[in-house]
């Protein structure tokens, strides 16, 4: 995950606890809710859509966690890994929303 985003030039960090992890579109570790809000969350829509088009269903929000379990075989993991570069590029190319007001 980290390699795909680095190659696309997108700031991203992964927080982990056991087999639970989450992504944040920022260059610093997320330690609390304020940190989680301080990210380029708008990039997730493009990332999520790209992954879904490639057959990988993710949590619908950047604020939700991913789970890895024994039910995930090498086939699923390979599909996720193969989809990541295109999805990271989609996040990199996502248009920044216009400021409100």
PDB file of N, CA and C in Angstrom:
ATOM      1  N   UNK A   1       0.833  -1.185   0.000  1.00  0.00           N
ATOM      2  CA  UNK A   1       0.000   0.000   0.000  1.00  0.00           C
ATOM      3  C   UNK A   1       0.880   1.251   0.000  1.00  0.00           C
ATOM      4  N   UNK A   2       1.816   1.284   0.920  1.00  0.00           N
ATOM      5  CA  UNK A   2       2.676   2.464   1.029  1.00  0.00           C
ATOM      6  C   UNK A   2       3.507   2.671  -0.230  1.00  0.00           C
ATOM      7  N   UNK A   3       4.014   1.601  -0.826  1.00  0.00           N
ATOM      8  CA  UNK A   3       4.816   1.714  -2.043  1.00  0.00           C
ATOM      9  C   UNK A   3       3.997   2.279  -3.202  1.00  0.00           C
ATOM     10  N   UNK A   4       2.750   1.844  -3.340  1.00  0.00           N
ATOM     11  CA  UNK A   4       1.899   2.320  -4.435  1.00  0.00           C
ATOM     12  C   UNK A   4       1.653   3.817  -4.314  1.00  0.00           C
ATOM     13  N   UNK A   5       1.391   4.286  -3.103  1.00  0.00           N
ATOM     14  CA  UNK A   5       1.140   5.711  -2.921  1.00  0.00           C
ATOM     15  C   UNK A   5       2.416   6.527  -3.086  1.00  0.00           C
ATOM     16  N   UNK A   6       3.526   6.004  -2.615  1.00  0.00           N
ATOM     17  CA  UNK A   6       4.804   6.708  -2.792  1.00  0.00           C
ATOM     18  C   UNK A   6       5.119   6.860  -4.283  1.00  0.00           C
ATOM     19  N   UNK A   7       4.901   5.816  -5.054  1.00  0.00           N
ATOM     20  CA  UNK A   7       5.160   5.867  -6.489  1.00  0.00           C
ATOM     21  C   UNK A   7       4.243   6.871  -7.187  1.00  0.00           C
ATOM     22  N   UNK A   8       3.029   7.048  -6.669  1.00  0.00           N
ATOM     23  CA  UNK A   8       2.077   7.997  -7.261  1.00  0.00           C
ATOM     24  C   UNK A   8       2.298   9.418  -6.743  1.00  0.00           C
ATOM     25  N   UNK A   9       3.165   9.567  -5.734  1.00  0.00           N
ATOM     26  CA  UNK A   9       3.440  10.887  -5.184  1.00  0.00           C
ATOM     27  C   UNK A   9       2.351  11.425  -4.279  1.00  0.00           C
ATOM     28  N   UNK A  10       1.636  10.530  -3.613  1.00  0.00           N
ATOM     29  CA  UNK A  10       0.549  10.926  -2.722  1.00  0.00           C
ATOM     30  C   UNK A  10       0.970  10.678  -1.278  1.00  0.00           C
ATOM     31  N   UNK A  11       0.838  11.707  -0.444  1.00  0.00           N
ATOM     32  CA  UNK A  11       1.106  11.536   0.985  1.00  0.00           C
ATOM     33  C   UNK A  11       0.062  10.589   1.564  1.00  0.00           C
ATOM     34  N   UNK A  12       0.534   9.581   2.287  1.00  0.00           N
ATOM     35  CA  UNK A  12      -0.364   8.591   2.867  1.00  0.00           C
ATOM     36  C   UNK A  12       0.364   7.890   3.988  1.00  0.00           C
ATOM     37  N   UNK A  13      -0.358   7.606   5.043  1.00  0.00           N
ATOM     38  CA  UNK A  13       0.197   6.835   6.149  1.00  0.00           C
ATOM     39  C   UNK A  13      -0.776   5.724   6.511  1.00  0.00           C
ATOM     40  N   UNK A  14      -0.248   4.641   7.022  1.00  0.00           N
ATOM     41  CA  UNK A  14      -1.060   3.503   7.450  1.00  0.00           C
ATOM     42  C   UNK A  14      -0.934   3.373   8.958  1.00  0.00           C
ATOM     43  N   UNK A  15      -2.077   3.301   9.629  1.00  0.00           N
ATOM     44  CA  UNK A  15      -2.103   3.010  11.064  1.00  0.00           C
ATOM     45  C   UNK A  15      -2.523   1.563  11.220  1.00  0.00           C
ATOM     46  N   UNK A  16      -1.832   0.840  12.129  1.00  0.00           N
ATOM     47  CA  UNK A  16      -2.077  -0.596  12.273  1.00  0.00           C
ATOM     48  C   UNK A  16      -2.285  -0.982  13.739  1.00  0.00           C
ATOM     49  N   UNK A  17      -3.129  -1.982  13.914  1.00  0.00           N
ATOM     50  CA  UNK A  17      -3.293  -2.636  15.215  1.00  0.00           C
ATOM     51  C   UNK A  17      -3.686  -4.074  14.915  1.00  0.00           C
ATOM     52  N   UNK A  18      -2.731  -4.974  15.046  1.00  0.00           N
ATOM     53  CA  UNK A  18      -2.991  -6.372  14.694  1.00  0.00           C
ATOM     54  C   UNK A  18      -3.321  -6.479  13.220  1.00  0.00           C
ATOM     55  N   UNK A  19      -4.459  -7.113  12.893  1.00  0.00           N
ATOM     56  CA  UNK A  19      -4.851  -7.264  11.494  1.00  0.00           C
ATOM     57  C   UNK A  19      -5.802  -6.148  11.046  1.00  0.00           C
ATOM     58  N   UNK A  20      -5.969  -5.144  11.876  1.00  0.00           N
ATOM     59  CA  UNK A  20      -6.799  -3.984  11.575  1.00  0.00           C
ATOM     60  C   UNK A  20      -5.894  -2.851  11.123  1.00  0.00           C
ATOM     61  N   UNK A  21      -6.274  -2.161  10.041  1.00  0.00           N
ATOM     62  CA  UNK A  21      -5.479  -1.019   9.614  1.00  0.00           C
ATOM     63  C   UNK A  21      -6.356  -0.010   8.904  1.00  0.00           C
ATOM     64  N   UNK A  22      -5.847   1.199   8.793  1.00  0.00           N
ATOM     65  CA  UNK A  22      -6.557   2.242   8.066  1.00  0.00           C
ATOM     66  C   UNK A  22      -5.559   3.146   7.366  1.00  0.00           C
ATOM     67  N   UNK A  23      -6.033   3.798   6.310  1.00  0.00           N
ATOM     68  CA  UNK A  23      -5.225   4.718   5.536  1.00  0.00           C
ATOM     69  C   UNK A  23      -5.597   6.142   5.904  1.00  0.00           C
ATOM     70  N   UNK A  24      -4.644   7.020   5.803  1.00  0.00           N
ATOM     71  CA  UNK A  24      -4.909   8.450   5.941  1.00  0.00           C
ATOM     72  C   UNK A  24      -4.092   9.169   4.885  1.00  0.00           C
ATOM     73  N   UNK A  25      -4.715  10.077   4.193  1.00  0.00           N
ATOM     74  CA  UNK A  25      -4.044  10.833   3.149  1.00  0.00           C
ATOM     75  C   UNK A  25      -3.337  12.041   3.758  1.00  0.00           C
ATOM     76  N   UNK A  26      -2.253  11.743   4.441  1.00  0.00           N
ATOM     77  CA  UNK A  26      -1.406  12.741   5.096  1.00  0.00           C
ATOM     78  C   UNK A  26      -0.032  12.126   5.296  1.00  0.00           C
ATOM     79  N   UNK A  27       0.954  12.935   5.612  1.00  0.00           N
ATOM     80  CA  UNK A  27       2.318  12.421   5.745  1.00  0.00           C
ATOM     81  C   UNK A  27       2.735  12.161   7.186  1.00  0.00           C
ATOM     82  N   UNK A  28       1.791  12.294   8.115  1.00  0.00           N
ATOM     83  CA  UNK A  28       2.095  12.059   9.524  1.00  0.00           C
ATOM     84  C   UNK A  28       1.135  11.030  10.108  1.00  0.00           C
ATOM     85  N   UNK A  29       1.578  10.356  11.130  1.00  0.00           N
ATOM     86  CA  UNK A  29       0.761   9.340  11.799  1.00  0.00           C
ATOM     87  C   UNK A  29      -0.504   9.979  12.375  1.00  0.00           C
ATOM     88  N   UNK A  30      -1.603   9.255  12.299  1.00  0.00           N
ATOM     89  CA  UNK A  30      -2.863   9.692  12.899  1.00  0.00           C
ATOM     90  C   UNK A  30      -2.891   9.194  14.338  1.00  0.00           C
ATOM     91  N   UNK A  31      -2.994  10.120  15.266  1.00  0.00           N
ATOM     92  CA  UNK A  31      -3.030   9.758  16.692  1.00  0.00           C
ATOM     93  C   UNK A  31      -4.388   9.996  17.336  1.00  0.00           C
ATOM     94  N   UNK A  32      -5.216  10.860  16.726  1.00  0.00           N
ATOM     95  CA  UNK A  32      -6.514  11.173  17.309  1.00  0.00           C
ATOM     96  C   UNK A  32      -7.465  11.661  16.211  1.00  0.00           C
ATOM     97  N   UNK A  33      -8.675  12.000  16.603  1.00  0.00           N
ATOM     98  CA  UNK A  33      -9.697  12.399  15.646  1.00  0.00           C
ATOM     99  C   UNK A  33      -9.303  13.670  14.892  1.00  0.00           C
ATOM    100  N   UNK A  34      -8.698  14.624  15.585  1.00  0.00           N
ATOM    101  CA  UNK A  34      -8.267  15.846  14.910  1.00  0.00           C
ATOM    102  C   UNK A  34      -7.249  15.529  13.817  1.00  0.00           C
ATOM    103  N   UNK A  35      -6.320  14.614  14.087  1.00  0.00           N
ATOM    104  CA  UNK A  35      -5.368  14.190  13.063  1.00  0.00           C
ATOM    105  C   UNK A  35      -6.103  13.535  11.888  1.00  0.00           C
ATOM    106  N   UNK A  36      -7.085  12.707  12.187  1.00  0.00           N
ATOM    107  CA  UNK A  36      -7.832  12.010  11.129  1.00  0.00           C
ATOM    108  C   UNK A  36      -8.571  13.006  10.239  1.00  0.00           C
ATOM    109  N   UNK A  37      -9.076  14.063  10.832  1.00  0.00           N
ATOM    110  CA  UNK A  37      -9.769  15.084  10.043  1.00  0.00           C
ATOM    111  C   UNK A  37      -8.795  15.911   9.206  1.00  0.00           C
ATOM    112  N   UNK A  38      -7.531  15.982   9.632  1.00  0.00           N
ATOM    113  CA  UNK A  38      -6.518  16.789   8.964  1.00  0.00           C
ATOM    114  C   UNK A  38      -5.794  15.953   7.901  1.00  0.00           C
ATOM    115  N   UNK A  39      -6.531  15.607   6.863  1.00  0.00           N
ATOM    116  CA  UNK A  39      -5.968  14.830   5.767  1.00  0.00           C
ATOM    117  C   UNK A  39      -6.681  15.222   4.487  1.00  0.00           C
ATOM    118  N   UNK A  40      -6.158  14.783   3.369  1.00  0.00           N
ATOM    119  CA  UNK A  40      -6.796  15.017   2.075  1.00  0.00           C
ATOM    120  C   UNK A  40      -7.839  13.931   1.831  1.00  0.00           C
ATOM    121  N   UNK A  41      -8.859  13.911   2.682  1.00  0.00           N
ATOM    122  CA  UNK A  41      -9.889  12.870   2.623  1.00  0.00           C
ATOM    123  C   UNK A  41     -10.591  12.840   1.271  1.00  0.00           C
ATOM    124  N   UNK A  42     -10.615  13.961   0.578  1.00  0.00           N
ATOM    125  CA  UNK A  42     -11.254  14.037  -0.732  1.00  0.00           C
ATOM    126  C   UNK A  42     -10.601  13.107  -1.747  1.00  0.00           C
ATOM    127  N   UNK A  43      -9.379  12.663  -1.505  1.00  0.00           N
ATOM    128  CA  UNK A  43      -8.714  11.738  -2.423  1.00  0.00           C
ATOM    129  C   UNK A  43      -9.302  10.321  -2.350  1.00  0.00           C
ATOM    130  N   UNK A  44      -9.945   9.995  -1.227  1.00  0.00           N
ATOM    131  CA  UNK A  44     -10.419   8.628  -1.019  1.00  0.00           C
ATOM    132  C   UNK A  44     -11.474   8.220  -2.043  1.00  0.00           C
ATOM    133  N   UNK A  45     -12.336   9.137  -2.443  1.00  0.00           N
ATOM    134  CA  UNK A  45     -13.397   8.783  -3.397  1.00  0.00           C
ATOM    135  C   UNK A  45     -12.800   8.196  -4.681  1.00  0.00           C
ATOM    136  N   UNK A  46     -11.794   8.857  -5.233  1.00  0.00           N
ATOM    137  CA  UNK A  46     -11.160   8.363  -6.467  1.00  0.00           C
ATOM    138  C   UNK A  46     -10.459   7.033  -6.225  1.00  0.00           C
ATOM    139  N   UNK A  47      -9.778   6.909  -5.082  1.00  0.00           N
ATOM    140  CA  UNK A  47      -9.104   5.666  -4.720  1.00  0.00           C
ATOM    141  C   UNK A  47     -10.116   4.529  -4.587  1.00  0.00           C
ATOM    142  N   UNK A  48     -11.169   4.766  -3.811  1.00  0.00           N
ATOM    143  CA  UNK A  48     -12.215   3.775  -3.575  1.00  0.00           C
ATOM    144  C   UNK A  48     -12.848   3.328  -4.899  1.00  0.00           C
ATOM    145  N   UNK A  49     -13.201   4.279  -5.756  1.00  0.00           N
ATOM    146  CA  UNK A  49     -13.858   3.974  -7.028  1.00  0.00           C
ATOM    147  C   UNK A  49     -12.949   3.135  -7.920  1.00  0.00           C
ATOM    148  N   UNK A  50     -11.676   3.488  -7.977  1.00  0.00           N
ATOM    149  CA  UNK A  50     -10.737   2.714  -8.781  1.00  0.00           C
ATOM    150  C   UNK A  50     -10.613   1.283  -8.269  1.00  0.00           C
ATOM    151  N   UNK A  51     -10.487   1.126  -6.963  1.00  0.00           N
ATOM    152  CA  UNK A  51     -10.387  -0.227  -6.391  1.00  0.00           C
ATOM    153  C   UNK A  51     -11.648  -1.029  -6.696  1.00  0.00           C
ATOM    154  N   UNK A  52     -12.804  -0.403  -6.532  1.00  0.00           N
ATOM    155  CA  UNK A  52     -14.068  -1.095  -6.774  1.00  0.00           C
ATOM    156  C   UNK A  52     -14.189  -1.526  -8.235  1.00  0.00           C
ATOM    157  N   UNK A  53     -13.785  -0.678  -9.162  1.00  0.00           N
ATOM    158  CA  UNK A  53     -13.828  -1.029 -10.588  1.00  0.00           C
ATOM    159  C   UNK A  53     -12.901  -2.193 -10.906  1.00  0.00           C
ATOM    160  N   UNK A  54     -11.895  -2.389 -10.062  1.00  0.00           N
ATOM    161  CA  UNK A  54     -10.953  -3.492 -10.269  1.00  0.00           C
ATOM    162  C   UNK A  54     -11.332  -4.735  -9.443  1.00  0.00           C
ATOM    163  N   UNK A  55     -12.527  -4.707  -8.866  1.00  0.00           N
ATOM    164  CA  UNK A  55     -13.037  -5.870  -8.153  1.00  0.00           C
ATOM    165  C   UNK A  55     -12.675  -5.947  -6.682  1.00  0.00           C
ATOM    166  N   UNK A  56     -12.204  -4.837  -6.107  1.00  0.00           N
ATOM    167  CA  UNK A  56     -11.835  -4.817  -4.693  1.00  0.00           C
ATOM    168  C   UNK A  56     -12.804  -3.909  -3.945  1.00  0.00           C
ATOM    169  N   UNK A  57     -13.556  -4.490  -3.037  1.00  0.00           N
ATOM    170  CA  UNK A  57     -14.533  -3.735  -2.258  1.00  0.00           C
ATOM    171  C   UNK A  57     -13.898  -3.297  -0.936  1.00  0.00           C
ATOM    172  N   UNK A  58     -13.878  -1.987  -0.724  1.00  0.00           N
ATOM    173  CA  UNK A  58     -13.264  -1.408   0.478  1.00  0.00           C
ATOM    174  C   UNK A  58     -14.322  -0.745   1.350  1.00  0.00           C
ATOM    175  N   UNK A  59     -13.962  -0.381   2.569  1.00  0.00           N
ATOM    176  CA  UNK A  59     -14.890   0.414   3.372  1.00  0.00           C
ATOM    177  C   UNK A  59     -15.235   1.696   2.608  1.00  0.00           C
ATOM    178  N   UNK A  60     -16.485   2.142   2.669  1.00  0.00           N
ATOM    179  CA  UNK A  60     -16.900   3.291   1.864  1.00  0.00           C
ATOM    180  C   UNK A  60     -16.404   4.649   2.354  1.00  0.00           C
ATOM    181  N   UNK A  61     -15.732   4.693   3.480  1.00  0.00           N
ATOM    182  CA  UNK A  61     -15.238   5.964   4.013  1.00  0.00           C
ATOM    183  C   UNK A  61     -13.775   5.841   4.410  1.00  0.00           C
ATOM    184  N   UNK A  62     -13.034   6.904   4.204  1.00  0.00           N
ATOM    185  CA  UNK A  62     -11.627   6.941   4.616  1.00  0.00           C
ATOM    186  C   UNK A  62     -11.498   6.840   6.135  1.00  0.00           C
ATOM    187  N   UNK A  63     -12.577   7.107   6.863  1.00  0.00           N
ATOM    188  CA  UNK A  63     -12.546   7.075   8.327  1.00  0.00           C
ATOM    189  C   UNK A  63     -12.876   5.692   8.893  1.00  0.00           C
ATOM    190  N   UNK A  64     -13.013   4.694   8.029  1.00  0.00           N
ATOM    191  CA  UNK A  64     -13.296   3.324   8.472  1.00  0.00           C
ATOM    192  C   UNK A  64     -12.052   2.457   8.326  1.00  0.00           C
ATOM    193  N   UNK A  65     -12.028   1.372   9.067  1.00  0.00           N
ATOM    194  CA  UNK A  65     -10.869   0.477   9.087  1.00  0.00           C
ATOM    195  C   UNK A  65     -11.027  -0.660   8.090  1.00  0.00           C
ATOM    196  N   UNK A  66      -9.886  -1.191   7.679  1.00  0.00           N
ATOM    197  CA  UNK A  66      -9.817  -2.404   6.871  1.00  0.00           C
ATOM    198  C   UNK A  66      -9.462  -3.546   7.817  1.00  0.00           C
ATOM    199  N   UNK A  67      -9.916  -4.744   7.496  1.00  0.00           N
ATOM    200  CA  UNK A  67      -9.607  -5.922   8.291  1.00  0.00           C
ATOM    201  C   UNK A  67      -8.983  -6.982   7.393  1.00  0.00           C
ATOM    202  N   UNK A  68      -7.917  -7.572   7.846  1.00  0.00           N
ATOM    203  CA  UNK A  68      -7.313  -8.705   7.173  1.00  0.00           C
ATOM    204  C   UNK A  68      -7.580  -9.920   8.038  1.00  0.00           C
ATOM    205  N   UNK A  69      -8.078 -10.989   7.412  1.00  0.00           N
ATOM    206  CA  UNK A  69      -8.404 -12.187   8.189  1.00  0.00           C
ATOM    207  C   UNK A  69      -7.900 -13.431   7.480  1.00  0.00           C
ATOM    208  N   UNK A  70      -8.054 -14.551   8.140  1.00  0.00           N
ATOM    209  CA  UNK A  70      -7.654 -15.836   7.563  1.00  0.00           C
ATOM    210  C   UNK A  70      -8.535 -16.203   6.366  1.00  0.00           C
ATOM    211  N   UNK A  71      -9.671 -15.522   6.208  1.00  0.00           N
ATOM    212  CA  UNK A  71     -10.543 -15.770   5.059  1.00  0.00           C
ATOM    213  C   UNK A  71      -9.955 -15.204   3.772  1.00  0.00           C
ATOM    214  N   UNK A  72      -9.004 -14.277   3.887  1.00  0.00           N
ATOM    215  CA  UNK A  72      -8.360 -13.700   2.711  1.00  0.00           C
ATOM    216  C   UNK A  72      -7.239 -14.628   2.247  1.00  0.00           C
ATOM    217  N   UNK A  73      -7.400 -15.145   1.052  1.00  0.00           N
ATOM    218  CA  UNK A  73      -6.382 -16.042   0.492  1.00  0.00           C
ATOM    219  C   UNK A  73      -5.369 -15.223  -0.308  1.00  0.00           C
ATOM    220  N   UNK A  74      -4.359 -15.905  -0.805  1.00  0.00           N
ATOM    221  CA  UNK A  74      -3.374 -15.234  -1.657  1.00  0.00           C
ATOM    222  C   UNK A  74      -4.041 -14.635  -2.893  1.00  0.00           C
ATOM    223  N   UNK A  75      -5.099 -15.251  -3.383  1.00  0.00           N
ATOM    224  CA  UNK A  75      -5.810 -14.737  -4.550  1.00  0.00           C
ATOM    225  C   UNK A  75      -6.368 -13.339  -4.270  1.00  0.00           C
ATOM    226  N   UNK A  76      -7.034 -13.166  -3.145  1.00  0.00           N
ATOM    227  CA  UNK A  76      -7.585 -11.850  -2.802  1.00  0.00           C
ATOM    228  C   UNK A  76      -6.477 -10.833  -2.561  1.00  0.00           C
ATOM    229  N   UNK A  77      -5.453 -11.251  -1.854  1.00  0.00           N
ATOM    230  CA  UNK A  77      -4.345 -10.328  -1.578  1.00  0.00           C
ATOM    231  C   UNK A  77      -3.640  -9.917  -2.861  1.00  0.00           C
ATOM    232  N   UNK A  78      -3.452 -10.844  -3.778  1.00  0.00           N
ATOM    233  CA  UNK A  78      -2.832 -10.511  -5.062  1.00  0.00           C
ATOM    234  C   UNK A  78      -3.698  -9.535  -5.856  1.00  0.00           C
ATOM    235  N   UNK A  79      -5.016  -9.710  -5.806  1.00  0.00           N
ATOM    236  CA  UNK A  79      -5.929  -8.797  -6.506  1.00  0.00           C
ATOM    237  C   UNK A  79      -5.815  -7.392  -5.923  1.00  0.00           C
ATOM    238  N   UNK A  80      -5.755  -7.298  -4.608  1.00  0.00           N
ATOM    239  CA  UNK A  80      -5.620  -5.991  -3.949  1.00  0.00           C
ATOM    240  C   UNK A  80      -4.295  -5.336  -4.341  1.00  0.00           C
ATOM    241  N   UNK A  81      -3.231  -6.095  -4.252  1.00  0.00           N
ATOM    242  CA  UNK A  81      -1.897  -5.563  -4.576  1.00  0.00           C
ATOM    243  C   UNK A  81      -1.838  -5.099  -6.031  1.00  0.00           C
ATOM    244  N   UNK A  82      -2.435  -5.865  -6.936  1.00  0.00           N
ATOM    245  CA  UNK A  82      -2.429  -5.499  -8.354  1.00  0.00           C
ATOM    246  C   UNK A  82      -3.249  -4.236  -8.617  1.00  0.00           C
ATOM    247  N   UNK A  83      -4.299  -4.024  -7.847  1.00  0.00           N
ATOM    248  CA  UNK A  83      -5.178  -2.866  -8.053  1.00  0.00           C
ATOM    249  C   UNK A  83      -4.601  -1.578  -7.462  1.00  0.00           C
ATOM    250  N   UNK A  84      -3.710  -1.689  -6.504  1.00  0.00           N
ATOM    251  CA  UNK A  84      -3.229  -0.506  -5.783  1.00  0.00           C
ATOM    252  C   UNK A  84      -2.547   0.558  -6.647  1.00  0.00           C
ATOM    253  N   UNK A  85      -1.663   0.222  -7.581  1.00  0.00           N
ATOM    254  CA  UNK A  85      -1.006   1.293  -8.345  1.00  0.00           C
ATOM    255  C   UNK A  85      -1.982   2.190  -9.106  1.00  0.00           C
ATOM    256  N   UNK A  86      -2.964   1.602  -9.797  1.00  0.00           N
ATOM    257  CA  UNK A  86      -3.940   2.414 -10.521  1.00  0.00           C
ATOM    258  C   UNK A  86      -4.781   3.245  -9.563  1.00  0.00           C
ATOM    259  N   UNK A  87      -5.159   2.661  -8.445  1.00  0.00           N
ATOM    260  CA  UNK A  87      -5.979   3.382  -7.470  1.00  0.00           C
ATOM    261  C   UNK A  87      -5.195   4.526  -6.822  1.00  0.00           C
ATOM    262  N   UNK A  88      -3.923   4.308  -6.563  1.00  0.00           N
ATOM    263  CA  UNK A  88      -3.090   5.377  -5.998  1.00  0.00           C
ATOM    264  C   UNK A  88      -2.939   6.517  -7.003  1.00  0.00           C
ATOM    265  N   UNK A  89      -2.790   6.174  -8.288  1.00  0.00           N
ATOM    266  CA  UNK A  89      -2.718   7.213  -9.319  1.00  0.00           C
ATOM    267  C   UNK A  89      -4.037   7.971  -9.414  1.00  0.00           C
ATOM    268  N   UNK A  90      -5.151   7.257  -9.272  1.00  0.00           N
ATOM    269  CA  UNK A  90      -6.461   7.924  -9.286  1.00  0.00           C
ATOM    270  C   UNK A  90      -6.561   8.911  -8.128  1.00  0.00           C
ATOM    271  N   UNK A  91      -6.065   8.516  -6.966  1.00  0.00           N
ATOM    272  CA  UNK A  91      -6.069   9.435  -5.814  1.00  0.00           C
ATOM    273  C   UNK A  91      -5.173  10.638  -6.089  1.00  0.00           C
ATOM    274  N   UNK A  92      -4.030  10.402  -6.735  1.00  0.00           N
ATOM    275  CA  UNK A  92      -3.114  11.497  -7.061  1.00  0.00           C
ATOM    276  C   UNK A  92      -3.749  12.474  -8.038  1.00  0.00           C
ATOM    277  N   UNK A  93      -4.541  11.964  -8.970  1.00  0.00           N
ATOM    278  CA  UNK A  93      -5.152  12.787 -10.008  1.00  0.00           C
ATOM    279  C   UNK A  93      -6.499  13.389  -9.600  1.00  0.00           C
ATOM    280  N   UNK A  94      -6.993  13.037  -8.430  1.00  0.00           N
ATOM    281  CA  UNK A  94      -8.289  13.534  -7.976  1.00  0.00           C
ATOM    282  C   UNK A  94      -8.256  15.057  -7.869  1.00  0.00           C
ATOM    283  N   UNK A  95      -9.291  15.715  -8.377  1.00  0.00           N
ATOM    284  CA  UNK A  95      -9.300  17.173  -8.286  1.00  0.00           C
ATOM    285  C   UNK A  95      -9.586  17.641  -6.859  1.00  0.00           C
ATOM    286  N   UNK A  96      -8.816  18.623  -6.424  1.00  0.00           N
ATOM    287  CA  UNK A  96      -9.033  19.211  -5.100  1.00  0.00           C
ATOM    288  C   UNK A  96     -10.359  19.983  -5.145  1.00  0.00           C
ATOM    289  N   UNK A  97     -11.222  19.763  -4.163  1.00  0.00           N
ATOM    290  CA  UNK A  97     -12.501  20.490  -4.169  1.00  0.00           C
ATOM    291  C   UNK A  97     -12.285  21.987  -3.954  1.00  0.00           C
ATOM    292  N   UNK A  98     -13.201  22.752  -4.505  1.00  0.00           N
ATOM    293  CA  UNK A  98     -13.171  24.199  -4.321  1.00  0.00           C
ATOM    294  C   UNK A  98     -13.489  24.540  -2.870  1.00  0.00           C
ATOM    295  N   UNK A  99     -12.814  25.537  -2.316  1.00  0.00           N
ATOM    296  CA  UNK A  99     -13.134  25.950  -0.935  1.00  0.00           C
ATOM    297  C   UNK A  99     -14.564  26.457  -0.837  1.00  0.00           C
ATOM    298  N   UNK A 100     -15.212  26.143   0.258  1.00  0.00           N
ATOM    299  CA  UNK A 100     -16.582  26.597   0.482  1.00  0.00           C
ATOM    300  C   UNK A 100     -16.579  28.097   0.755  1.00  0.00           C
ATOM    301  N   UNK A 101     -17.625  28.750   0.261  1.00  0.00           N
ATOM    302  CA  UNK A 101     -17.791  30.170   0.575  1.00  0.00           C
ATOM    303  C   UNK A 101     -17.328  31.002  -0.476  1.00  0.00           C
TER     304      UNK A 101
END
